[in-house]
Amino acid sequence: MKKPLSEKEKMLASELYTASDPELVRERIRVRRDLKRLNDMVYGDDPDYETVLRRILPNCSPDVQVQPPFYCDYGYNIRCGENTFFNFDCVVLDVAPVTIGKNGFFAPKVQLYTAGHPLDHKMRGDMLEYGKPITIGDDCWLGGGVIVCPGVTIGDRVVVAAGSVVAKDIPSDSLAAGNPARVIRSLKKEN
């Protein structure tokens, strides 16, 4: 007989899971302690900054830069390519993988949400949730206050205007804006 999945295994498989599971609570508390330390540091002035940041974001390029404050659920589900920068007050709810290519720039208050909740009120009442991965390509810039919803893929070389809510995929070489965000023009260079 197959052993049932743990709540963490369900979470990582994008299945419904219980976020109040003791193992998941312990992991979130651990990262919250490190986030508190990081968020109390002065970026560029504290010798422990890199050590704490590596514990929070172990799967990101060593040159990732985070301007505190920064918030995430687990940290280990975030993968960042080279030269990624998060400005003040970014939030990454990483119950599912968040994959960011190289040269990603995130303005203040960008929010990446992989977490979702059932539409059925009884299931929500049982405190069930799920996650859908977010993928952001190379050379992207997300303006201030952009929200990216669960399951969205943003292609390479995309600019998302400040205040936009990205609920659907955005193709490469696009400028997107609005709520919901839509492509307003191509950024492809003509030969």
C-alpha atoms as a PDB file:
ATOM      1  CA  MET A   1       0.000   0.000   0.000  1.00  0.00           C
ATOM      2  CA  LYS A   2       1.267   3.436  -0.941  1.00  0.00           C
ATOM      3  CA  LYS A   3       2.066   5.748   1.947  1.00  0.00           C
ATOM      4  CA  PRO A   4      -0.157   8.860   1.943  1.00  0.00           C
ATOM      5  CA  LEU A   5       1.537  12.130   1.053  1.00  0.00           C
ATOM      6  CA  SER A   6       2.524  14.479   3.842  1.00  0.00           C
ATOM      7  CA  GLU A   7       0.993  17.962   3.811  1.00  0.00           C
ATOM      8  CA  LYS A   8       4.340  19.335   2.613  1.00  0.00           C
ATOM      9  CA  GLU A   9       4.451  16.790  -0.227  1.00  0.00           C
ATOM     10  CA  LYS A  10       0.888  17.775  -1.186  1.00  0.00           C
ATOM     11  CA  MET A  11       1.877  21.452  -1.129  1.00  0.00           C
ATOM     12  CA  LEU A  12       4.910  20.832  -3.351  1.00  0.00           C
ATOM     13  CA  ALA A  13       2.746  18.779  -5.748  1.00  0.00           C
ATOM     14  CA  SER A  14       0.235  21.662  -6.098  1.00  0.00           C
ATOM     15  CA  GLU A  15      -2.497  19.614  -4.396  1.00  0.00           C
ATOM     16  CA  LEU A  16      -4.872  20.780  -1.684  1.00  0.00           C
ATOM     17  CA  TYR A  17      -3.062  20.746   1.654  1.00  0.00           C
ATOM     18  CA  THR A  18      -3.449  21.973   5.209  1.00  0.00           C
ATOM     19  CA  ALA A  19      -1.158  24.928   5.882  1.00  0.00           C
ATOM     20  CA  SER A  20      -1.500  24.472   9.652  1.00  0.00           C
ATOM     21  CA  ASP A  21       0.417  21.180   9.446  1.00  0.00           C
ATOM     22  CA  PRO A  22       3.099  21.220  12.201  1.00  0.00           C
ATOM     23  CA  GLU A  23       5.994  20.599   9.780  1.00  0.00           C
ATOM     24  CA  LEU A  24       4.937  23.517   7.562  1.00  0.00           C
ATOM     25  CA  VAL A  25       4.350  25.771  10.568  1.00  0.00           C
ATOM     26  CA  ARG A  26       7.886  24.992  11.835  1.00  0.00           C
ATOM     27  CA  GLU A  27       9.372  25.825   8.439  1.00  0.00           C
ATOM     28  CA  ARG A  28       7.480  29.134   8.229  1.00  0.00           C
ATOM     29  CA  ILE A  29       8.542  30.079  11.775  1.00  0.00           C
ATOM     30  CA  ARG A  30      12.178  29.345  10.925  1.00  0.00           C
ATOM     31  CA  VAL A  31      12.105  31.593   7.862  1.00  0.00           C
ATOM     32  CA  ARG A  32      10.165  34.297   9.749  1.00  0.00           C
ATOM     33  CA  ARG A  33      12.977  34.465  12.302  1.00  0.00           C
ATOM     34  CA  ASP A  34      15.519  34.924   9.532  1.00  0.00           C
ATOM     35  CA  LEU A  35      13.265  37.457   7.782  1.00  0.00           C
ATOM     36  CA  LYS A  36      13.010  39.464  11.010  1.00  0.00           C
ATOM     37  CA  ARG A  37      16.807  39.553  11.213  1.00  0.00           C
ATOM     38  CA  LEU A  38      17.136  40.504   7.539  1.00  0.00           C
ATOM     39  CA  ASN A  39      14.429  43.145   7.745  1.00  0.00           C
ATOM     40  CA  ASP A  40      16.139  44.768  10.723  1.00  0.00           C
ATOM     41  CA  MET A  41      19.440  45.064   8.818  1.00  0.00           C
ATOM     42  CA  VAL A  42      20.669  48.046   6.863  1.00  0.00           C
ATOM     43  CA  TYR A  43      21.255  46.767   3.321  1.00  0.00           C
ATOM     44  CA  GLY A  44      24.908  47.099   2.337  1.00  0.00           C
ATOM     45  CA  ASP A  45      26.032  47.865   5.888  1.00  0.00           C
ATOM     46  CA  ASP A  46      25.565  44.649   7.871  1.00  0.00           C
ATOM     47  CA  PRO A  47      28.223  41.902   7.624  1.00  0.00           C
ATOM     48  CA  ASP A  48      25.617  39.177   8.377  1.00  0.00           C
ATOM     49  CA  TYR A  49      23.292  40.231   5.535  1.00  0.00           C
ATOM     50  CA  GLU A  50      24.654  37.721   2.989  1.00  0.00           C
ATOM     51  CA  THR A  51      24.591  34.819   5.467  1.00  0.00           C
ATOM     52  CA  VAL A  52      20.990  35.459   6.484  1.00  0.00           C
ATOM     53  CA  LEU A  53      19.888  36.060   2.894  1.00  0.00           C
ATOM     54  CA  ARG A  54      21.472  32.727   1.782  1.00  0.00           C
ATOM     55  CA  ARG A  55      19.511  30.893   4.511  1.00  0.00           C
ATOM     56  CA  ILE A  56      16.263  32.510   3.353  1.00  0.00           C
ATOM     57  CA  LEU A  57      16.899  32.092  -0.407  1.00  0.00           C
ATOM     58  CA  PRO A  58      19.183  29.047  -0.753  1.00  0.00           C
ATOM     59  CA  ASN A  59      18.197  28.376  -4.382  1.00  0.00           C
ATOM     60  CA  CYS A  60      18.874  31.856  -5.755  1.00  0.00           C
ATOM     61  CA  SER A  61      21.979  33.092  -7.515  1.00  0.00           C
ATOM     62  CA  PRO A  62      24.601  34.265  -4.997  1.00  0.00           C
ATOM     63  CA  ASP A  63      24.347  37.795  -6.380  1.00  0.00           C
ATOM     64  CA  VAL A  64      20.595  38.193  -5.653  1.00  0.00           C
ATOM     65  CA  GLN A  65      19.943  41.534  -3.955  1.00  0.00           C
ATOM     66  CA  VAL A  66      17.066  42.148  -1.569  1.00  0.00           C
ATOM     67  CA  GLN A  67      16.318  45.589  -0.178  1.00  0.00           C
ATOM     68  CA  PRO A  68      14.607  44.958   3.183  1.00  0.00           C
ATOM     69  CA  PRO A  69      11.868  44.601   4.161  1.00  0.00           C
ATOM     70  CA  PHE A  70      11.165  41.384   2.260  1.00  0.00           C
ATOM     71  CA  TYR A  71       8.630  38.655   2.991  1.00  0.00           C
ATOM     72  CA  CYS A  72       8.155  35.050   1.863  1.00  0.00           C
ATOM     73  CA  ASP A  73       6.581  31.832   3.153  1.00  0.00           C
ATOM     74  CA  TYR A  74       9.409  29.307   2.795  1.00  0.00           C
ATOM     75  CA  GLY A  75      12.207  30.778   0.658  1.00  0.00           C
ATOM     76  CA  TYR A  76      13.411  27.426  -0.662  1.00  0.00           C
ATOM     77  CA  ASN A  77      10.709  27.481  -3.373  1.00  0.00           C
ATOM     78  CA  ILE A  78      12.163  30.676  -4.870  1.00  0.00           C
ATOM     79  CA  ARG A  79      14.725  30.297  -7.646  1.00  0.00           C
ATOM     80  CA  CYS A  80      16.371  33.433  -9.036  1.00  0.00           C
ATOM     81  CA  GLY A  81      18.850  33.748 -11.863  1.00  0.00           C
ATOM     82  CA  GLU A  82      21.838  36.068 -11.878  1.00  0.00           C
ATOM     83  CA  ASN A  83      21.459  39.763 -11.227  1.00  0.00           C
ATOM     84  CA  THR A  84      17.988  39.662  -9.630  1.00  0.00           C
ATOM     85  CA  PHE A  85      16.957  42.627  -7.489  1.00  0.00           C
ATOM     86  CA  PHE A  86      13.988  42.980  -5.125  1.00  0.00           C
ATOM     87  CA  ASN A  87      13.327  46.536  -3.963  1.00  0.00           C
ATOM     88  CA  PHE A  88      11.622  47.516  -0.682  1.00  0.00           C
ATOM     89  CA  ASP A  89       8.605  45.625   0.637  1.00  0.00           C
ATOM     90  CA  CYS A  90       8.312  42.760  -1.861  1.00  0.00           C
ATOM     91  CA  VAL A  91       6.219  39.704  -0.942  1.00  0.00           C
ATOM     92  CA  VAL A  92       6.671  36.215  -2.413  1.00  0.00           C
ATOM     93  CA  LEU A  93       4.128  33.628  -1.228  1.00  0.00           C
ATOM     94  CA  ASP A  94       6.120  30.598  -2.324  1.00  0.00           C
ATOM     95  CA  VAL A  95       3.965  27.592  -1.425  1.00  0.00           C
ATOM     96  CA  ALA A  96       4.689  26.507  -5.026  1.00  0.00           C
ATOM     97  CA  PRO A  97       7.837  27.180  -7.055  1.00  0.00           C
ATOM     98  CA  VAL A  98       8.625  30.745  -8.098  1.00  0.00           C
ATOM     99  CA  THR A  99      11.196  30.685 -10.884  1.00  0.00           C
ATOM    100  CA  ILE A 100      12.798  33.946 -11.973  1.00  0.00           C
ATOM    101  CA  GLY A 101      15.308  34.194 -14.817  1.00  0.00           C
ATOM    102  CA  LYS A 102      18.389  36.389 -14.908  1.00  0.00           C
ATOM    103  CA  ASN A 103      18.239  40.185 -14.705  1.00  0.00           C
ATOM    104  CA  GLY A 104      14.886  40.309 -12.917  1.00  0.00           C
ATOM    105  CA  PHE A 105      14.030  43.686 -11.429  1.00  0.00           C
ATOM    106  CA  PHE A 106      11.176  44.035  -8.945  1.00  0.00           C
ATOM    107  CA  ALA A 107      10.133  47.531  -7.882  1.00  0.00           C
ATOM    108  CA  PRO A 108       8.807  48.267  -4.375  1.00  0.00           C
ATOM    109  CA  LYS A 109       5.759  46.342  -3.179  1.00  0.00           C
ATOM    110  CA  VAL A 110       5.763  43.730  -5.957  1.00  0.00           C
ATOM    111  CA  GLN A 111       3.776  40.708  -4.816  1.00  0.00           C
ATOM    112  CA  LEU A 112       4.113  37.203  -6.261  1.00  0.00           C
ATOM    113  CA  TYR A 113       1.316  34.914  -5.028  1.00  0.00           C
ATOM    114  CA  THR A 114       1.482  31.175  -5.714  1.00  0.00           C
ATOM    115  CA  ALA A 115      -1.032  30.445  -2.929  1.00  0.00           C
ATOM    116  CA  GLY A 116      -4.697  29.948  -3.722  1.00  0.00           C
ATOM    117  CA  HIS A 117      -7.817  28.909  -1.869  1.00  0.00           C
ATOM    118  CA  PRO A 118     -10.775  26.786  -2.983  1.00  0.00           C
ATOM    119  CA  LEU A 119     -13.881  28.553  -4.245  1.00  0.00           C
ATOM    120  CA  ASP A 120     -16.018  26.139  -2.230  1.00  0.00           C
ATOM    121  CA  HIS A 121     -16.670  27.778   1.143  1.00  0.00           C
ATOM    122  CA  LYS A 122     -16.691  24.467   3.039  1.00  0.00           C
ATOM    123  CA  MET A 123     -13.238  23.534   1.770  1.00  0.00           C
ATOM    124  CA  ARG A 124     -11.982  27.042   2.599  1.00  0.00           C
ATOM    125  CA  GLY A 125     -13.523  26.649   6.045  1.00  0.00           C
ATOM    126  CA  ASP A 126     -11.460  23.478   6.472  1.00  0.00           C
ATOM    127  CA  MET A 127      -8.398  25.717   5.968  1.00  0.00           C
ATOM    128  CA  LEU A 128      -7.335  23.961   2.777  1.00  0.00           C
ATOM    129  CA  GLU A 129      -5.210  25.766   0.224  1.00  0.00           C
ATOM    130  CA  TYR A 130      -3.118  24.993  -2.844  1.00  0.00           C
ATOM    131  CA  GLY A 131      -0.332  26.538  -4.856  1.00  0.00           C
ATOM    132  CA  LYS A 132       0.337  27.068  -8.547  1.00  0.00           C
ATOM    133  CA  PRO A 133       3.851  27.923  -9.772  1.00  0.00           C
ATOM    134  CA  ILE A 134       4.857  31.314 -11.106  1.00  0.00           C
ATOM    135  CA  THR A 135       7.520  31.590 -13.799  1.00  0.00           C
ATOM    136  CA  ILE A 136       9.144  34.875 -14.821  1.00  0.00           C
ATOM    137  CA  GLY A 137      11.641  34.900 -17.704  1.00  0.00           C
ATOM    138  CA  ASP A 138      14.930  36.686 -18.240  1.00  0.00           C
ATOM    139  CA  ASP A 139      15.325  40.469 -18.353  1.00  0.00           C
ATOM    140  CA  CYS A 140      11.933  41.330 -16.845  1.00  0.00           C
ATOM    141  CA  TRP A 141      10.973  44.462 -14.944  1.00  0.00           C
ATOM    142  CA  LEU A 142       7.881  44.534 -12.734  1.00  0.00           C
ATOM    143  CA  GLY A 143       6.876  48.049 -11.677  1.00  0.00           C
ATOM    144  CA  GLY A 144       5.808  49.185  -8.234  1.00  0.00           C
ATOM    145  CA  GLY A 145       2.866  47.392  -6.677  1.00  0.00           C
ATOM    146  CA  VAL A 146       2.520  44.740  -9.399  1.00  0.00           C
ATOM    147  CA  ILE A 147       0.643  41.624  -8.266  1.00  0.00           C
ATOM    148  CA  VAL A 148       1.250  38.306 -10.036  1.00  0.00           C
ATOM    149  CA  CYS A 149      -1.444  35.669  -9.412  1.00  0.00           C
ATOM    150  CA  PRO A 150      -0.988  31.890  -9.007  1.00  0.00           C
ATOM    151  CA  GLY A 151      -0.086  29.880 -12.088  1.00  0.00           C
ATOM    152  CA  VAL A 152       1.084  32.796 -14.248  1.00  0.00           C
ATOM    153  CA  THR A 153       4.012  32.632 -16.660  1.00  0.00           C
ATOM    154  CA  ILE A 154       5.669  35.865 -17.776  1.00  0.00           C
ATOM    155  CA  GLY A 155       7.969  35.523 -20.787  1.00  0.00           C
ATOM    156  CA  ASP A 156      11.404  37.031 -21.400  1.00  0.00           C
ATOM    157  CA  ARG A 157      12.039  40.783 -21.710  1.00  0.00           C
ATOM    158  CA  VAL A 158       8.635  41.763 -20.325  1.00  0.00           C
ATOM    159  CA  VAL A 159       7.829  45.051 -18.626  1.00  0.00           C
ATOM    160  CA  VAL A 160       4.753  45.122 -16.387  1.00  0.00           C
ATOM    161  CA  ALA A 161       3.553  48.640 -15.542  1.00  0.00           C
ATOM    162  CA  ALA A 162       3.166  49.764 -11.946  1.00  0.00           C
ATOM    163  CA  GLY A 163      -0.063  48.773 -10.226  1.00  0.00           C
ATOM    164  CA  SER A 164      -0.920  45.994 -12.681  1.00  0.00           C
ATOM    165  CA  VAL A 165      -2.525  42.704 -11.639  1.00  0.00           C
ATOM    166  CA  VAL A 166      -1.201  39.852 -13.765  1.00  0.00           C
ATOM    167  CA  ALA A 167      -3.824  37.092 -13.790  1.00  0.00           C
ATOM    168  CA  LYS A 168      -2.944  35.512 -17.162  1.00  0.00           C
ATOM    169  CA  ASP A 169       0.277  34.636 -18.969  1.00  0.00           C
ATOM    170  CA  ILE A 170       2.212  37.456 -20.662  1.00  0.00           C
ATOM    171  CA  PRO A 171       4.244  36.561 -23.788  1.00  0.00           C
ATOM    172  CA  SER A 172       7.885  37.538 -24.251  1.00  0.00           C
ATOM    173  CA  ASP A 173       8.787  41.010 -25.500  1.00  0.00           C
ATOM    174  CA  SER A 174       5.617  42.658 -24.197  1.00  0.00           C
ATOM    175  CA  LEU A 175       4.611  45.726 -22.257  1.00  0.00           C
ATOM    176  CA  ALA A 176       1.631  44.831 -20.063  1.00  0.00           C
ATOM    177  CA  ALA A 177      -0.518  47.105 -17.910  1.00  0.00           C
ATOM    178  CA  GLY A 178      -3.836  47.278 -16.132  1.00  0.00           C
ATOM    179  CA  ASN A 179      -6.141  45.317 -13.876  1.00  0.00           C
ATOM    180  CA  PRO A 180      -6.293  42.720 -15.172  1.00  0.00           C
ATOM    181  CA  ALA A 181      -2.998  43.228 -16.986  1.00  0.00           C
ATOM    182  CA  ARG A 182      -3.093  42.953 -20.749  1.00  0.00           C
ATOM    183  CA  VAL A 183      -0.443  43.396 -23.408  1.00  0.00           C
ATOM    184  CA  ILE A 184      -0.575  46.978 -24.635  1.00  0.00           C
ATOM    185  CA  ARG A 185       2.287  46.773 -27.097  1.00  0.00           C
ATOM    186  CA  SER A 186       5.138  44.629 -28.352  1.00  0.00           C
ATOM    187  CA  LEU A 187       8.690  45.415 -27.314  1.00  0.00           C
ATOM    188  CA  LYS A 188      10.241  43.419 -30.181  1.00  0.00           C
ATOM    189  CA  LYS A 189      12.821  45.345 -32.118  1.00  0.00           C
ATOM    190  CA  GLU A 190      12.313  45.392 -35.852  1.00  0.00           C
ATOM    191  CA  ASN A 191      15.332  44.426 -37.978  1.00  0.00           C
END
